[in-house]
N, C-alpha and C. Protein backbone atom coordinates (compact mmCIF):
# COMPACT_ATOMS: atom_id res chain seq x y z
N MET A 1 164.37 42.68 119.62
CA MET A 1 165.77 42.94 119.30
C MET A 1 166.33 44.08 120.16
N TRP A 2 165.51 45.13 120.42
CA TRP A 2 165.97 46.23 121.25
C TRP A 2 166.22 45.77 122.67
N GLN A 3 165.38 44.88 123.16
CA GLN A 3 165.57 44.33 124.50
C GLN A 3 166.87 43.54 124.56
N ALA A 4 167.17 42.79 123.51
CA ALA A 4 168.42 42.03 123.45
C ALA A 4 169.62 42.98 123.46
N ALA A 5 169.52 44.06 122.69
CA ALA A 5 170.61 45.04 122.66
C ALA A 5 170.79 45.68 124.03
N ARG A 6 169.67 45.90 124.74
CA ARG A 6 169.75 46.49 126.08
C ARG A 6 170.46 45.56 127.05
N LEU A 7 170.19 44.26 126.94
CA LEU A 7 170.86 43.28 127.80
C LEU A 7 172.37 43.31 127.60
N VAL A 8 172.78 43.46 126.35
CA VAL A 8 174.22 43.53 126.05
C VAL A 8 174.81 44.84 126.56
N ALA A 9 174.13 45.94 126.28
CA ALA A 9 174.64 47.27 126.64
C ALA A 9 174.73 47.47 128.15
N THR A 10 173.82 46.85 128.90
CA THR A 10 173.80 47.03 130.36
C THR A 10 174.59 45.94 131.08
N PHE A 11 175.26 45.08 130.32
CA PHE A 11 176.07 44.00 130.91
C PHE A 11 175.25 43.17 131.90
N ASP A 12 174.18 42.58 131.36
CA ASP A 12 173.33 41.72 132.17
C ASP A 12 174.18 40.68 132.91
N PRO A 13 174.00 40.50 134.23
CA PRO A 13 174.85 39.60 135.01
C PRO A 13 174.90 38.16 134.46
N ASP A 14 173.74 37.63 134.07
CA ASP A 14 173.73 36.27 133.52
C ASP A 14 174.50 36.20 132.21
N LEU A 15 174.34 37.23 131.40
CA LEU A 15 175.04 37.29 130.12
C LEU A 15 176.55 37.36 130.32
N VAL A 16 176.97 38.18 131.28
CA VAL A 16 178.40 38.31 131.57
C VAL A 16 178.96 37.01 132.10
N GLU A 17 178.22 36.36 133.00
CA GLU A 17 178.68 35.09 133.57
C GLU A 17 178.85 34.02 132.50
N ILE A 18 177.87 33.91 131.62
CA ILE A 18 177.92 32.91 130.56
C ILE A 18 179.06 33.20 129.59
N THR A 19 179.24 34.48 129.24
CA THR A 19 180.31 34.86 128.33
C THR A 19 181.67 34.59 128.95
N ALA A 20 181.82 34.90 130.23
CA ALA A 20 183.10 34.68 130.91
C ALA A 20 183.46 33.20 130.94
N LEU A 21 182.48 32.35 131.23
CA LEU A 21 182.75 30.91 131.25
C LEU A 21 183.09 30.42 129.85
N SER A 22 182.41 30.91 128.84
CA SER A 22 182.70 30.52 127.46
C SER A 22 184.14 30.86 127.10
N LEU A 23 184.56 32.07 127.45
CA LEU A 23 185.92 32.50 127.14
C LEU A 23 186.95 31.67 127.92
N ARG A 24 186.63 31.40 129.19
CA ARG A 24 187.57 30.63 130.01
C ARG A 24 187.76 29.22 129.46
N VAL A 25 186.67 28.58 129.07
CA VAL A 25 186.74 27.23 128.53
C VAL A 25 187.44 27.22 127.17
N SER A 26 187.04 28.09 126.28
CA SER A 26 187.59 28.07 124.92
C SER A 26 189.04 28.54 124.88
N LEU A 27 189.38 29.56 125.66
CA LEU A 27 190.77 30.01 125.71
C LEU A 27 191.67 28.94 126.33
N GLY A 28 191.18 28.30 127.39
CA GLY A 28 191.95 27.22 128.00
C GLY A 28 192.18 26.08 127.03
N ALA A 29 191.13 25.70 126.31
CA ALA A 29 191.27 24.62 125.32
C ALA A 29 192.21 25.03 124.21
N THR A 30 192.16 26.29 123.79
CA THR A 30 193.03 26.76 122.70
C THR A 30 194.49 26.74 123.12
N VAL A 31 194.78 27.15 124.34
CA VAL A 31 196.16 27.13 124.83
C VAL A 31 196.70 25.71 124.87
N ILE A 32 195.93 24.79 125.43
CA ILE A 32 196.37 23.40 125.53
C ILE A 32 196.53 22.78 124.14
N ALA A 33 195.54 23.01 123.26
CA ALA A 33 195.61 22.46 121.91
C ALA A 33 196.77 23.04 121.13
N SER A 34 197.10 24.32 121.36
CA SER A 34 198.24 24.94 120.68
C SER A 34 199.55 24.33 121.16
N LEU A 35 199.65 24.08 122.47
CA LEU A 35 200.86 23.47 123.01
C LEU A 35 201.09 22.07 122.44
N ILE A 36 200.01 21.40 122.05
CA ILE A 36 200.12 20.07 121.43
C ILE A 36 200.24 20.18 119.92
N GLY A 37 199.35 20.96 119.31
CA GLY A 37 199.23 20.98 117.85
C GLY A 37 200.36 21.69 117.13
N LEU A 38 200.85 22.81 117.67
CA LEU A 38 201.90 23.56 116.98
C LEU A 38 203.20 22.77 116.87
N PRO A 39 203.73 22.21 117.98
CA PRO A 39 204.93 21.38 117.84
C PRO A 39 204.70 20.14 116.97
N LEU A 40 203.50 19.55 117.06
CA LEU A 40 203.20 18.38 116.24
C LEU A 40 203.23 18.73 114.75
N GLY A 41 202.63 19.86 114.39
CA GLY A 41 202.66 20.29 113.00
C GLY A 41 204.07 20.55 112.51
N ALA A 42 204.88 21.20 113.36
CA ALA A 42 206.27 21.46 112.99
C ALA A 42 207.07 20.16 112.87
N TRP A 43 206.83 19.24 113.78
CA TRP A 43 207.55 17.96 113.74
C TRP A 43 207.23 17.19 112.46
N LEU A 44 205.97 17.19 112.06
CA LEU A 44 205.59 16.51 110.82
C LEU A 44 206.20 17.18 109.59
N ALA A 45 206.39 18.50 109.66
CA ALA A 45 206.98 19.21 108.53
C ALA A 45 208.47 18.93 108.38
N VAL A 46 209.15 18.72 109.51
CA VAL A 46 210.60 18.58 109.50
C VAL A 46 211.04 17.13 109.31
N ASN A 47 210.32 16.20 109.88
CA ASN A 47 210.75 14.80 109.90
C ASN A 47 210.19 14.01 108.72
N ARG A 48 210.96 13.05 108.28
CA ARG A 48 210.55 12.12 107.23
C ARG A 48 210.60 10.71 107.79
N PHE A 49 209.50 9.99 107.69
CA PHE A 49 209.43 8.62 108.16
C PHE A 49 208.42 7.87 107.29
N PRO A 50 208.46 6.54 107.28
CA PRO A 50 207.67 5.76 106.31
C PRO A 50 206.17 6.07 106.32
N ALA A 51 205.57 6.24 107.49
CA ALA A 51 204.12 6.44 107.56
C ALA A 51 203.72 7.91 107.61
N ARG A 52 204.63 8.80 107.22
CA ARG A 52 204.38 10.24 107.36
C ARG A 52 203.14 10.67 106.58
N ARG A 53 203.02 10.27 105.32
CA ARG A 53 201.87 10.67 104.51
C ARG A 53 200.56 10.15 105.12
N PHE A 54 200.61 8.96 105.65
CA PHE A 54 199.42 8.39 106.28
C PHE A 54 199.04 9.18 107.52
N VAL A 55 200.03 9.55 108.33
CA VAL A 55 199.76 10.33 109.55
C VAL A 55 199.17 11.68 109.20
N ILE A 56 199.72 12.33 108.16
CA ILE A 56 199.20 13.63 107.74
C ILE A 56 197.76 13.51 107.23
N ALA A 57 197.51 12.42 106.49
CA ALA A 57 196.15 12.20 105.98
C ALA A 57 195.17 11.99 107.13
N ILE A 58 195.58 11.23 108.15
CA ILE A 58 194.73 11.02 109.33
C ILE A 58 194.49 12.34 110.06
N LEU A 59 195.56 13.14 110.19
CA LEU A 59 195.43 14.43 110.86
C LEU A 59 194.43 15.33 110.13
N ASN A 60 194.54 15.36 108.82
CA ASN A 60 193.60 16.18 108.03
C ASN A 60 192.17 15.66 108.16
N ALA A 61 192.03 14.34 108.21
CA ALA A 61 190.70 13.75 108.35
C ALA A 61 190.09 14.08 109.72
N LEU A 62 190.94 14.14 110.74
CA LEU A 62 190.45 14.43 112.09
C LEU A 62 189.95 15.87 112.23
N MET A 63 190.28 16.72 111.27
CA MET A 63 189.76 18.09 111.30
C MET A 63 188.23 18.10 111.20
N GLY A 64 187.68 17.04 110.61
CA GLY A 64 186.23 16.96 110.45
C GLY A 64 185.56 16.06 111.47
N LEU A 65 186.20 15.89 112.63
CA LEU A 65 185.60 15.05 113.67
C LEU A 65 184.21 15.55 114.05
N PRO A 66 183.20 14.67 114.03
CA PRO A 66 181.86 15.10 114.47
C PRO A 66 181.88 15.43 115.97
N PRO A 67 181.54 16.65 116.35
CA PRO A 67 181.62 17.04 117.76
C PRO A 67 180.78 16.16 118.68
N VAL A 68 179.61 15.72 118.21
CA VAL A 68 178.77 14.90 119.09
C VAL A 68 179.43 13.56 119.37
N VAL A 69 180.20 13.05 118.41
CA VAL A 69 180.93 11.79 118.63
C VAL A 69 182.04 12.00 119.65
N VAL A 70 182.75 13.14 119.54
CA VAL A 70 183.77 13.47 120.52
C VAL A 70 183.14 13.61 121.91
N GLY A 71 182.00 14.28 121.97
CA GLY A 71 181.31 14.42 123.24
C GLY A 71 180.91 13.08 123.84
N LEU A 72 180.44 12.18 123.00
CA LEU A 72 180.06 10.84 123.46
C LEU A 72 181.27 10.08 123.99
N MET A 73 182.39 10.18 123.28
CA MET A 73 183.61 9.48 123.72
C MET A 73 184.08 10.01 125.07
N VAL A 74 184.10 11.34 125.22
CA VAL A 74 184.54 11.93 126.48
C VAL A 74 183.56 11.58 127.60
N TYR A 75 182.27 11.57 127.28
CA TYR A 75 181.26 11.19 128.27
C TYR A 75 181.50 9.77 128.77
N MET A 76 181.76 8.84 127.85
CA MET A 76 181.97 7.45 128.24
C MET A 76 183.24 7.29 129.07
N LEU A 77 184.26 8.09 128.76
CA LEU A 77 185.51 7.99 129.50
C LEU A 77 185.37 8.50 130.93
N PHE A 78 184.56 9.56 131.12
CA PHE A 78 184.48 10.19 132.43
C PHE A 78 183.18 9.92 133.18
N SER A 79 182.31 9.08 132.59
CA SER A 79 181.11 8.68 133.32
C SER A 79 181.49 7.76 134.49
N ARG A 80 180.56 7.53 135.38
CA ARG A 80 180.87 6.72 136.57
C ARG A 80 181.35 5.33 136.23
N SER A 81 180.84 4.79 135.13
CA SER A 81 181.26 3.44 134.72
C SER A 81 182.47 3.46 133.81
N GLY A 82 182.97 4.63 133.49
CA GLY A 82 184.11 4.75 132.60
C GLY A 82 185.43 4.63 133.34
N PRO A 83 186.53 4.52 132.58
CA PRO A 83 187.85 4.34 133.22
C PRO A 83 188.31 5.52 134.05
N PHE A 84 187.83 6.73 133.75
CA PHE A 84 188.24 7.91 134.50
C PHE A 84 187.09 8.50 135.33
N GLY A 85 186.07 7.70 135.55
CA GLY A 85 184.91 8.16 136.30
C GLY A 85 185.25 8.58 137.72
N VAL A 86 186.29 7.98 138.29
CA VAL A 86 186.66 8.28 139.67
C VAL A 86 187.11 9.73 139.82
N LEU A 87 187.51 10.37 138.73
CA LEU A 87 187.97 11.76 138.80
C LEU A 87 186.82 12.75 139.00
N GLY A 88 185.61 12.32 138.66
CA GLY A 88 184.44 13.17 138.85
C GLY A 88 184.45 14.43 137.99
N LEU A 89 184.92 14.31 136.78
CA LEU A 89 185.06 15.48 135.90
C LEU A 89 183.86 15.70 134.98
N LEU A 90 182.99 14.71 134.88
CA LEU A 90 181.84 14.86 133.99
C LEU A 90 180.93 15.99 134.48
N PHE A 91 180.39 16.75 133.53
CA PHE A 91 179.54 17.90 133.81
C PHE A 91 180.29 19.00 134.58
N THR A 92 181.56 19.18 134.21
CA THR A 92 182.37 20.26 134.75
C THR A 92 183.04 21.00 133.58
N PRO A 93 183.50 22.24 133.81
CA PRO A 93 184.23 22.94 132.74
C PRO A 93 185.47 22.19 132.26
N THR A 94 186.08 21.42 133.14
CA THR A 94 187.27 20.66 132.75
C THR A 94 186.94 19.66 131.66
N ALA A 95 185.82 18.96 131.79
CA ALA A 95 185.41 18.01 130.76
C ALA A 95 185.12 18.74 129.45
N MET A 96 184.58 19.94 129.54
CA MET A 96 184.31 20.73 128.34
C MET A 96 185.61 21.13 127.65
N VAL A 97 186.60 21.49 128.45
CA VAL A 97 187.91 21.83 127.89
C VAL A 97 188.52 20.62 127.18
N ILE A 98 188.43 19.46 127.80
CA ILE A 98 188.99 18.24 127.21
C ILE A 98 188.33 17.95 125.87
N ALA A 99 187.01 18.07 125.81
CA ALA A 99 186.31 17.82 124.55
C ALA A 99 186.74 18.81 123.47
N GLN A 100 186.87 20.07 123.84
CA GLN A 100 187.27 21.08 122.86
C GLN A 100 188.71 20.87 122.40
N VAL A 101 189.58 20.45 123.31
CA VAL A 101 190.97 20.17 122.93
C VAL A 101 191.03 19.08 121.87
N ILE A 102 190.24 18.03 122.06
CA ILE A 102 190.22 16.93 121.09
C ILE A 102 189.72 17.42 119.73
N ILE A 103 188.76 18.32 119.75
CA ILE A 103 188.17 18.80 118.49
C ILE A 103 189.12 19.73 117.74
N ILE A 104 189.77 20.66 118.45
CA ILE A 104 190.54 21.69 117.76
C ILE A 104 192.02 21.39 117.58
N THR A 105 192.56 20.41 118.31
CA THR A 105 193.98 20.09 118.14
C THR A 105 194.32 19.69 116.70
N PRO A 106 193.54 18.82 116.04
CA PRO A 106 193.85 18.50 114.63
C PRO A 106 193.80 19.72 113.71
N ILE A 107 192.90 20.65 114.00
CA ILE A 107 192.80 21.85 113.18
C ILE A 107 194.06 22.69 113.31
N ILE A 108 194.49 22.93 114.55
CA ILE A 108 195.69 23.73 114.79
C ILE A 108 196.92 23.03 114.22
N ALA A 109 197.03 21.72 114.44
CA ALA A 109 198.19 20.98 113.95
C ALA A 109 198.26 20.98 112.43
N SER A 110 197.12 20.83 111.78
CA SER A 110 197.10 20.78 110.31
C SER A 110 197.47 22.14 109.72
N VAL A 111 196.90 23.21 110.25
CA VAL A 111 197.23 24.55 109.76
C VAL A 111 198.70 24.86 110.03
N ALA A 112 199.19 24.48 111.21
CA ALA A 112 200.60 24.70 111.53
C ALA A 112 201.51 23.91 110.60
N HIS A 113 201.13 22.68 110.29
CA HIS A 113 201.93 21.86 109.39
C HIS A 113 202.07 22.51 108.02
N GLN A 114 200.96 23.02 107.50
CA GLN A 114 201.00 23.68 106.19
C GLN A 114 201.93 24.89 106.21
N ALA A 115 201.84 25.68 107.28
CA ALA A 115 202.66 26.89 107.37
C ALA A 115 204.15 26.55 107.55
N ILE A 116 204.43 25.61 108.44
CA ILE A 116 205.82 25.25 108.72
C ILE A 116 206.44 24.53 107.53
N ARG A 117 205.66 23.77 106.78
CA ARG A 117 206.19 23.06 105.61
C ARG A 117 206.74 24.05 104.58
N GLU A 118 206.01 25.14 104.37
CA GLU A 118 206.49 26.15 103.43
C GLU A 118 207.74 26.85 103.97
N LEU A 119 207.76 27.10 105.27
CA LEU A 119 208.92 27.74 105.89
C LEU A 119 210.13 26.82 105.86
N TRP A 120 209.89 25.53 106.06
CA TRP A 120 210.96 24.54 106.06
C TRP A 120 211.63 24.47 104.69
N ALA A 121 210.87 24.64 103.63
CA ALA A 121 211.43 24.63 102.28
C ALA A 121 212.43 25.77 102.10
N ASP A 122 212.16 26.91 102.75
CA ASP A 122 213.07 28.06 102.66
C ASP A 122 214.28 27.92 103.57
N TYR A 123 214.09 27.28 104.73
CA TYR A 123 215.15 27.22 105.73
C TYR A 123 215.95 25.91 105.68
N HIS A 124 215.52 24.97 104.87
CA HIS A 124 216.10 23.63 104.88
C HIS A 124 217.62 23.65 104.72
N ASP A 125 218.11 24.24 103.64
CA ASP A 125 219.54 24.21 103.36
C ASP A 125 220.34 24.92 104.44
N LEU A 126 219.83 26.05 104.93
CA LEU A 126 220.54 26.80 105.96
C LEU A 126 220.66 26.00 107.25
N LEU A 127 219.56 25.42 107.70
CA LEU A 127 219.59 24.68 108.96
C LEU A 127 220.41 23.41 108.85
N ILE A 128 220.37 22.77 107.68
CA ILE A 128 221.20 21.58 107.48
C ILE A 128 222.67 21.94 107.50
N SER A 129 223.03 23.05 106.83
CA SER A 129 224.44 23.47 106.79
C SER A 129 224.95 23.86 108.16
N LEU A 130 224.05 24.36 109.01
CA LEU A 130 224.44 24.72 110.38
C LEU A 130 224.44 23.51 111.31
N GLN A 131 224.09 22.34 110.77
CA GLN A 131 224.04 21.09 111.52
C GLN A 131 223.13 21.22 112.75
N ALA A 132 222.01 21.88 112.55
CA ALA A 132 221.04 22.03 113.64
C ALA A 132 220.36 20.70 113.92
N THR A 133 220.12 20.42 115.20
CA THR A 133 219.41 19.20 115.56
C THR A 133 217.93 19.35 115.21
N ARG A 134 217.19 18.24 115.26
CA ARG A 134 215.76 18.30 114.95
C ARG A 134 215.04 19.27 115.89
N LEU A 135 215.41 19.22 117.16
CA LEU A 135 214.77 20.11 118.13
C LEU A 135 215.08 21.56 117.83
N GLN A 136 216.32 21.85 117.46
CA GLN A 136 216.69 23.22 117.12
C GLN A 136 215.96 23.69 115.86
N ARG A 137 215.80 22.79 114.90
CA ARG A 137 215.07 23.15 113.68
C ARG A 137 213.62 23.49 114.01
N ILE A 138 213.01 22.66 114.83
CA ILE A 138 211.61 22.88 115.18
C ILE A 138 211.45 24.21 115.93
N LYS A 139 212.34 24.48 116.89
CA LYS A 139 212.28 25.73 117.64
C LYS A 139 212.43 26.94 116.72
N THR A 140 213.37 26.85 115.78
CA THR A 140 213.61 27.96 114.84
C THR A 140 212.39 28.20 113.97
N LEU A 141 211.83 27.13 113.45
CA LEU A 141 210.67 27.26 112.56
C LEU A 141 209.45 27.78 113.31
N LEU A 142 209.27 27.31 114.56
CA LEU A 142 208.14 27.79 115.35
C LEU A 142 208.26 29.28 115.64
N TRP A 143 209.49 29.73 115.91
CA TRP A 143 209.68 31.15 116.22
C TRP A 143 209.49 32.02 114.97
N ASP A 144 210.14 31.63 113.88
CA ASP A 144 210.05 32.44 112.66
C ASP A 144 208.67 32.38 112.02
N GLY A 145 207.93 31.32 112.30
CA GLY A 145 206.58 31.19 111.75
C GLY A 145 205.50 31.56 112.74
N ARG A 146 205.85 32.34 113.75
CA ARG A 146 204.92 32.61 114.85
C ARG A 146 203.65 33.33 114.40
N ARG A 147 203.76 34.18 113.37
CA ARG A 147 202.55 34.88 112.92
C ARG A 147 201.55 33.91 112.30
N ALA A 148 202.07 33.02 111.45
CA ALA A 148 201.19 32.01 110.85
C ALA A 148 200.64 31.06 111.90
N LEU A 149 201.44 30.79 112.93
CA LEU A 149 200.99 29.88 113.98
C LEU A 149 199.94 30.55 114.87
N MET A 150 200.03 31.87 115.02
CA MET A 150 198.96 32.59 115.73
C MET A 150 197.65 32.47 114.96
N THR A 151 197.75 32.48 113.64
CA THR A 151 196.56 32.28 112.82
C THR A 151 195.95 30.90 113.08
N ALA A 152 196.81 29.89 113.21
CA ALA A 152 196.34 28.54 113.49
C ALA A 152 195.61 28.49 114.84
N SER A 153 196.18 29.14 115.83
CA SER A 153 195.56 29.14 117.16
C SER A 153 194.23 29.90 117.15
N LEU A 154 194.18 31.03 116.44
CA LEU A 154 192.94 31.79 116.35
C LEU A 154 191.86 30.99 115.63
N ALA A 155 192.26 30.24 114.61
CA ALA A 155 191.30 29.38 113.91
C ALA A 155 190.74 28.32 114.86
N GLY A 156 191.61 27.79 115.71
CA GLY A 156 191.16 26.81 116.70
C GLY A 156 190.21 27.44 117.71
N PHE A 157 190.53 28.66 118.16
CA PHE A 157 189.65 29.34 119.12
C PHE A 157 188.29 29.62 118.49
N GLY A 158 188.29 30.05 117.23
CA GLY A 158 187.02 30.31 116.55
C GLY A 158 186.15 29.07 116.47
N ARG A 159 186.79 27.93 116.26
CA ARG A 159 186.05 26.67 116.21
C ARG A 159 185.54 26.29 117.60
N ALA A 160 186.35 26.54 118.62
CA ALA A 160 185.99 26.14 119.98
C ALA A 160 184.84 26.98 120.53
N ILE A 161 184.88 28.29 120.32
CA ILE A 161 183.89 29.17 120.92
C ILE A 161 182.50 28.92 120.35
N GLY A 162 182.43 28.38 119.12
CA GLY A 162 181.13 28.11 118.51
C GLY A 162 180.66 26.68 118.67
N GLU A 163 181.37 25.90 119.47
CA GLU A 163 181.02 24.48 119.63
C GLU A 163 179.80 24.32 120.55
N VAL A 164 178.91 23.40 120.18
CA VAL A 164 177.71 23.18 120.99
C VAL A 164 177.47 21.70 121.28
N GLY A 165 177.65 20.83 120.29
CA GLY A 165 177.28 19.42 120.44
C GLY A 165 178.02 18.72 121.56
N ALA A 166 179.35 18.72 121.49
CA ALA A 166 180.15 18.03 122.51
C ALA A 166 180.00 18.69 123.87
N ILE A 167 179.92 20.04 123.86
CA ILE A 167 179.80 20.77 125.12
C ILE A 167 178.49 20.45 125.83
N MET A 168 177.43 20.30 125.06
CA MET A 168 176.14 19.97 125.64
C MET A 168 176.18 18.59 126.30
N ILE A 169 176.86 17.65 125.67
CA ILE A 169 176.90 16.27 126.18
C ILE A 169 177.75 16.17 127.45
N VAL A 170 178.95 16.73 127.43
CA VAL A 170 179.86 16.54 128.57
C VAL A 170 179.68 17.60 129.66
N GLY A 171 179.07 18.75 129.29
CA GLY A 171 178.87 19.80 130.28
C GLY A 171 177.51 19.78 130.92
N GLY A 172 176.51 19.34 130.17
CA GLY A 172 175.17 19.24 130.73
C GLY A 172 174.39 20.54 130.75
N ASN A 173 175.01 21.64 130.33
CA ASN A 173 174.32 22.94 130.28
C ASN A 173 173.72 23.31 131.65
N ILE A 174 174.52 23.16 132.70
CA ILE A 174 174.06 23.41 134.07
C ILE A 174 174.20 24.90 134.39
N ASP A 175 173.13 25.49 134.88
CA ASP A 175 173.13 26.92 135.19
C ASP A 175 174.18 27.24 136.25
N HIS A 176 174.92 28.32 136.03
CA HIS A 176 175.98 28.80 136.92
C HIS A 176 177.11 27.78 137.08
N ALA A 177 177.22 26.83 136.19
CA ALA A 177 178.29 25.83 136.30
C ALA A 177 178.92 25.53 134.95
N THR A 178 178.10 25.10 133.99
CA THR A 178 178.66 24.71 132.69
C THR A 178 177.90 25.31 131.52
N ARG A 179 177.12 26.33 131.77
CA ARG A 179 176.33 26.95 130.70
C ARG A 179 177.18 27.97 129.95
N VAL A 180 177.39 27.74 128.65
CA VAL A 180 178.18 28.63 127.82
C VAL A 180 177.28 29.26 126.75
N LEU A 181 177.85 30.10 125.91
CA LEU A 181 177.06 30.87 124.95
C LEU A 181 176.21 29.99 124.05
N THR A 182 176.82 28.97 123.45
CA THR A 182 176.09 28.16 122.47
C THR A 182 174.99 27.34 123.11
N THR A 183 175.28 26.72 124.25
CA THR A 183 174.26 25.91 124.90
C THR A 183 173.15 26.78 125.49
N ALA A 184 173.52 27.99 125.96
CA ALA A 184 172.52 28.90 126.49
C ALA A 184 171.58 29.39 125.39
N ILE A 185 172.13 29.63 124.20
CA ILE A 185 171.28 30.04 123.08
C ILE A 185 170.26 28.96 122.75
N ALA A 186 170.72 27.71 122.72
CA ALA A 186 169.81 26.60 122.43
C ALA A 186 168.72 26.50 123.50
N LEU A 187 169.11 26.67 124.77
CA LEU A 187 168.14 26.58 125.87
C LEU A 187 167.13 27.72 125.83
N GLU A 188 167.62 28.94 125.70
CA GLU A 188 166.73 30.10 125.72
C GLU A 188 165.78 30.10 124.52
N THR A 189 166.26 29.63 123.38
CA THR A 189 165.38 29.52 122.21
C THR A 189 164.27 28.51 122.46
N GLY A 190 164.63 27.38 123.07
CA GLY A 190 163.63 26.36 123.39
C GLY A 190 162.60 26.84 124.39
N LYS A 191 163.01 27.74 125.29
CA LYS A 191 162.09 28.29 126.29
C LYS A 191 161.25 29.43 125.74
N GLY A 192 161.60 29.90 124.55
CA GLY A 192 160.89 31.03 123.98
C GLY A 192 161.39 32.38 124.47
N GLU A 193 162.54 32.39 125.16
CA GLU A 193 163.14 33.63 125.65
C GLU A 193 164.07 34.18 124.56
N PHE A 194 163.45 34.75 123.54
CA PHE A 194 164.22 35.15 122.36
C PHE A 194 165.09 36.38 122.61
N ASP A 195 164.71 37.22 123.54
CA ASP A 195 165.54 38.39 123.82
C ASP A 195 166.91 37.97 124.36
N MET A 196 166.89 37.07 125.33
CA MET A 196 168.14 36.58 125.90
C MET A 196 168.93 35.79 124.86
N ALA A 197 168.24 34.97 124.07
CA ALA A 197 168.91 34.19 123.03
C ALA A 197 169.58 35.11 122.02
N LEU A 198 168.89 36.19 121.64
CA LEU A 198 169.48 37.14 120.69
C LEU A 198 170.67 37.87 121.31
N ALA A 199 170.57 38.22 122.58
CA ALA A 199 171.68 38.89 123.25
C ALA A 199 172.91 37.99 123.27
N LEU A 200 172.70 36.73 123.60
CA LEU A 200 173.81 35.76 123.57
C LEU A 200 174.36 35.63 122.16
N GLY A 201 173.46 35.62 121.19
CA GLY A 201 173.89 35.53 119.80
C GLY A 201 174.71 36.73 119.37
N PHE A 202 174.32 37.93 119.82
CA PHE A 202 175.09 39.13 119.50
C PHE A 202 176.52 39.02 120.04
N VAL A 203 176.64 38.53 121.26
CA VAL A 203 177.97 38.37 121.86
C VAL A 203 178.79 37.35 121.07
N LEU A 204 178.17 36.23 120.72
CA LEU A 204 178.87 35.19 119.98
C LEU A 204 179.32 35.69 118.60
N ILE A 205 178.45 36.43 117.93
CA ILE A 205 178.80 37.01 116.63
C ILE A 205 179.95 38.02 116.80
N GLY A 206 179.88 38.81 117.88
CA GLY A 206 180.95 39.77 118.13
C GLY A 206 182.29 39.10 118.33
N LEU A 207 182.31 37.99 119.07
CA LEU A 207 183.55 37.25 119.27
C LEU A 207 184.06 36.67 117.96
N ALA A 208 183.15 36.16 117.13
CA ALA A 208 183.54 35.62 115.83
C ALA A 208 184.14 36.70 114.94
N ILE A 209 183.55 37.89 114.98
CA ILE A 209 184.08 39.01 114.19
C ILE A 209 185.48 39.40 114.69
N LEU A 210 185.66 39.44 116.00
CA LEU A 210 186.97 39.78 116.55
C LEU A 210 188.03 38.77 116.13
N VAL A 211 187.68 37.48 116.13
CA VAL A 211 188.62 36.44 115.70
C VAL A 211 188.99 36.64 114.23
N ASN A 212 188.00 36.91 113.39
CA ASN A 212 188.27 37.10 111.96
C ASN A 212 189.08 38.37 111.70
N LEU A 213 188.81 39.42 112.48
CA LEU A 213 189.62 40.63 112.35
C LEU A 213 191.07 40.35 112.76
N GLY A 214 191.22 39.54 113.81
CA GLY A 214 192.57 39.15 114.23
C GLY A 214 193.30 38.38 113.15
N LEU A 215 192.61 37.44 112.52
CA LEU A 215 193.21 36.67 111.43
C LEU A 215 193.58 37.59 110.27
N HIS A 216 192.70 38.52 109.94
CA HIS A 216 192.96 39.45 108.84
C HIS A 216 194.16 40.34 109.16
N PHE A 217 194.22 40.83 110.40
CA PHE A 217 195.32 41.71 110.79
C PHE A 217 196.65 40.97 110.73
N ILE A 218 196.67 39.74 111.25
CA ILE A 218 197.91 38.96 111.25
C ILE A 218 198.38 38.66 109.83
N SER A 219 197.44 38.28 108.97
CA SER A 219 197.81 37.96 107.59
C SER A 219 198.33 39.21 106.87
N ARG A 220 197.74 40.37 107.14
CA ARG A 220 198.20 41.62 106.51
C ARG A 220 199.59 42.00 106.97
N THR A 221 199.83 41.91 108.29
CA THR A 221 201.13 42.28 108.81
C THR A 221 202.20 41.31 108.33
N GLU A 222 201.80 40.04 108.15
CA GLU A 222 202.77 39.05 107.67
C GLU A 222 203.16 39.37 106.23
N ARG A 223 202.16 39.68 105.40
CA ARG A 223 202.44 39.99 103.99
C ARG A 223 203.21 41.30 103.85
N GLY A 224 202.88 42.26 104.72
CA GLY A 224 203.55 43.55 104.64
C GLY A 224 204.88 43.59 105.36
N ALA A 225 205.23 42.51 106.03
CA ALA A 225 206.51 42.40 106.75
C ALA A 225 206.67 43.54 107.75
N ARG A 226 205.60 43.86 108.44
CA ARG A 226 205.66 44.93 109.43
C ARG A 226 205.97 44.41 110.83
N TRP A 227 205.99 43.11 111.00
CA TRP A 227 206.34 42.53 112.30
C TRP A 227 207.77 42.04 112.24
């Protein structure tokens, strides 16, 4: 354990490289998923259409997508025999981002929908009286609900940074190319290199704690109306 702590404290080059790639992949996936999920959640909260309840039920169900199934689907799409094989994205960080986007978009959209639905109940009469268009309503709700929506994005990032199944399948855990925290922990444990595995684990736990502190801070400031 002391050796693992030393690796973290001395910023071991391999540890830094793996952490940097993990952050780049997960942050990229979170940004893309937020750009899709946040407006989708707001749109579902504002609009009424015949299949709305069914769509919301499907969205909530997709929050539990098995990551290995997502990884398999992305692998088949980008393998040489797949429809997008010509792009050569398999076993690259881009493929890892795509897999994570598929996994976390339903989570962000569902959390955003819950938050915007409550906000819409408060703003409904005002926005209707102002004859705001659907787009204007969505923009207003997204802006006024930005703190809750940041919580949705942080929840998505927390899910993405701890992902291993899909990332292992589409990334291949290639050294200096697609090796991230979770896949590196699995590899180092299998090799019996427990010091490095523990060091990676410490970093991953630290990131998880930072995400939870961020969620706690945002929820406190929202309740205290300090923002």
